[in-house]
């Protein structure tokens, strides 16, 4: 891990991941703040691609962006070949890239329903800028 990678907070990492995902037109990009309720990670970033091909492109953008620009590699990646649910473990943040049917079936957001959520929206701002927080949540990743 590079010094720059070590300096990233979990919030900054989630914002970078969301930005890379949005660059590939990911849909419904959400960060869940799991600090205080999870011993294995600080948060999730969950997003959807419209197809397995787009899900793989989102995975590739996150993987190569974090590697090239921040010296970060995931501890583990699962599901990249089928690309229906791709899990990327970056220690502090775990990324879930779904196709819509799989996301609807597993409903991860519902399992962690009481944690703070942050939605990321595409827009004219720089990649990684956040959209509106959901009502009743904090501005945390």
Protein backbone atom coordinates (compact mmCIF):
# COMPACT_ATOMS: atom_id res chain seq x y z
CA UNK A 1 0.00 0.00 0.00
CA UNK A 2 1.32 3.45 -0.84
CA UNK A 3 1.46 6.38 1.55
CA UNK A 4 -1.41 8.01 -0.34
CA UNK A 5 -3.50 4.89 0.13
CA UNK A 6 -2.77 4.81 3.85
CA UNK A 7 -3.93 8.42 4.18
CA UNK A 8 -7.41 7.73 2.73
CA UNK A 9 -10.25 7.64 5.23
CA UNK A 10 -13.09 5.17 4.70
CA UNK A 11 -15.29 8.12 3.64
CA UNK A 12 -12.75 9.24 1.04
CA UNK A 13 -12.37 5.68 -0.23
CA UNK A 14 -16.15 5.32 -0.55
CA UNK A 15 -16.31 8.61 -2.48
CA UNK A 16 -13.56 7.50 -4.87
CA UNK A 17 -15.29 4.16 -5.44
CA UNK A 18 -18.61 5.88 -6.07
CA UNK A 19 -16.94 8.25 -8.53
CA UNK A 20 -15.36 5.42 -10.51
CA UNK A 21 -18.69 3.58 -10.56
CA UNK A 22 -20.57 6.68 -11.74
CA UNK A 23 -17.99 7.16 -14.50
CA UNK A 24 -19.29 3.85 -15.90
CA UNK A 25 -22.91 4.94 -15.47
CA UNK A 26 -23.60 2.82 -12.38
CA UNK A 27 -27.12 3.20 -11.05
CA UNK A 28 -28.39 3.68 -7.50
CA UNK A 29 -24.94 4.19 -5.93
CA UNK A 30 -25.23 4.07 -2.13
CA UNK A 31 -22.65 4.08 0.67
CA UNK A 32 -23.61 2.50 3.99
CA UNK A 33 -21.75 3.56 7.15
CA UNK A 34 -21.19 0.36 9.13
CA UNK A 35 -18.84 1.79 11.75
CA UNK A 36 -20.05 0.79 15.18
CA UNK A 37 -22.17 -2.10 13.86
CA UNK A 38 -19.61 -4.17 11.93
CA UNK A 39 -16.28 -5.56 13.06
CA UNK A 40 -15.11 -6.46 9.55
CA UNK A 41 -15.47 -3.17 7.61
CA UNK A 42 -16.31 0.50 7.98
CA UNK A 43 -18.75 0.56 5.09
CA UNK A 44 -20.26 -0.78 1.92
CA UNK A 45 -20.61 0.88 -1.45
CA UNK A 46 -23.49 -0.74 -3.35
CA UNK A 47 -24.34 -0.04 -6.97
CA UNK A 48 -25.97 -1.61 -10.01
CA UNK A 49 -25.14 -2.06 -13.65
CA UNK A 50 -27.91 -2.66 -16.16
CA UNK A 51 -26.29 -5.92 -17.33
CA UNK A 52 -23.52 -8.32 -16.38
CA UNK A 53 -21.33 -6.63 -18.99
CA UNK A 54 -21.84 -3.20 -17.41
CA UNK A 55 -21.32 -4.66 -13.91
CA UNK A 56 -17.94 -5.99 -15.08
CA UNK A 57 -17.07 -2.57 -16.58
CA UNK A 58 -17.91 -0.91 -13.24
CA UNK A 59 -15.70 -3.44 -11.44
CA UNK A 60 -12.86 -2.79 -13.88
CA UNK A 61 -13.12 0.99 -13.48
CA UNK A 62 -12.99 0.75 -9.68
CA UNK A 63 -10.16 -1.80 -9.71
CA UNK A 64 -7.94 0.02 -12.21
CA UNK A 65 -8.70 3.50 -10.85
CA UNK A 66 -7.79 2.62 -7.27
CA UNK A 67 -4.73 0.67 -8.40
CA UNK A 68 -3.37 3.29 -10.80
CA UNK A 69 -4.21 6.46 -8.92
CA UNK A 70 -3.95 5.31 -5.28
CA UNK A 71 -1.87 2.14 -5.22
CA UNK A 72 -4.77 0.16 -3.75
CA UNK A 73 -5.59 -3.45 -4.60
CA UNK A 74 -8.53 -5.36 -3.16
CA UNK A 75 -7.83 -8.05 -0.59
CA UNK A 76 -10.23 -10.27 -2.50
CA UNK A 77 -12.65 -10.16 -5.42
CA UNK A 78 -15.52 -12.60 -5.92
CA UNK A 79 -18.07 -13.01 -8.70
CA UNK A 80 -16.18 -11.13 -11.42
CA UNK A 81 -16.57 -13.91 -13.98
CA UNK A 82 -20.34 -14.26 -13.68
CA UNK A 83 -20.71 -10.52 -12.98
CA UNK A 84 -24.16 -10.85 -11.40
CA UNK A 85 -22.84 -9.83 -7.96
CA UNK A 86 -19.24 -8.70 -7.78
CA UNK A 87 -17.73 -8.24 -4.33
CA UNK A 88 -14.51 -6.24 -3.96
CA UNK A 89 -12.95 -6.17 -0.47
CA UNK A 90 -10.85 -3.06 0.18
CA UNK A 91 -10.68 -3.73 3.95
CA UNK A 92 -12.28 -0.46 5.15
CA UNK A 93 -14.86 -0.47 2.34
CA UNK A 94 -16.46 -3.46 0.64
CA UNK A 95 -17.90 -2.85 -2.82
CA UNK A 96 -20.96 -4.70 -4.12
CA UNK A 97 -21.68 -4.35 -7.84
CA UNK A 98 -24.97 -5.98 -8.81
CA UNK A 99 -27.21 -6.49 -11.78
CA UNK A 100 -30.72 -5.26 -10.83
CA UNK A 101 -32.38 -8.68 -10.37
CA UNK A 102 -29.65 -9.89 -8.02
CA UNK A 103 -29.69 -6.65 -6.03
CA UNK A 104 -33.47 -6.89 -5.67
CA UNK A 105 -33.20 -10.51 -4.53
CA UNK A 106 -30.53 -9.99 -1.83
CA UNK A 107 -31.63 -6.50 -0.69
CA UNK A 108 -28.43 -5.67 1.22
CA UNK A 109 -29.64 -2.18 2.04
CA UNK A 110 -32.60 -3.71 3.90
CA UNK A 111 -30.33 -5.93 5.98
CA UNK A 112 -28.47 -2.84 7.19
CA UNK A 113 -31.55 -0.60 7.23
CA UNK A 114 -30.76 1.40 10.38
CA UNK A 115 -27.26 2.58 9.38
CA UNK A 116 -26.52 6.00 7.86
CA UNK A 117 -26.74 6.01 4.07
CA UNK A 118 -25.33 8.34 1.47
CA UNK A 119 -26.56 8.37 -2.13
CA UNK A 120 -24.25 9.40 -4.94
CA UNK A 121 -25.76 10.91 -8.06
CA UNK A 122 -24.21 11.60 -11.45
CA UNK A 123 -24.01 15.25 -12.26
CA UNK A 124 -21.93 18.12 -13.60
CA UNK A 125 -19.73 18.06 -10.48
CA UNK A 126 -16.47 16.12 -10.35
CA UNK A 127 -16.68 12.35 -9.98
CA UNK A 128 -17.21 11.31 -6.38
CA UNK A 129 -19.26 14.32 -5.35
CA UNK A 130 -22.28 13.24 -3.42
CA UNK A 131 -25.90 13.84 -4.08
CA UNK A 132 -28.42 14.28 -1.34
CA UNK A 133 -28.19 12.33 1.89
CA UNK A 134 -31.28 10.37 2.74
CA UNK A 135 -33.51 11.98 5.37
CA UNK A 136 -32.47 11.11 8.89
CA UNK A 137 -28.94 10.09 7.92
CA UNK A 138 -25.57 11.64 8.43
CA UNK A 139 -23.16 12.64 5.70
CA UNK A 140 -20.91 9.62 6.23
CA UNK A 141 -19.77 6.85 3.94
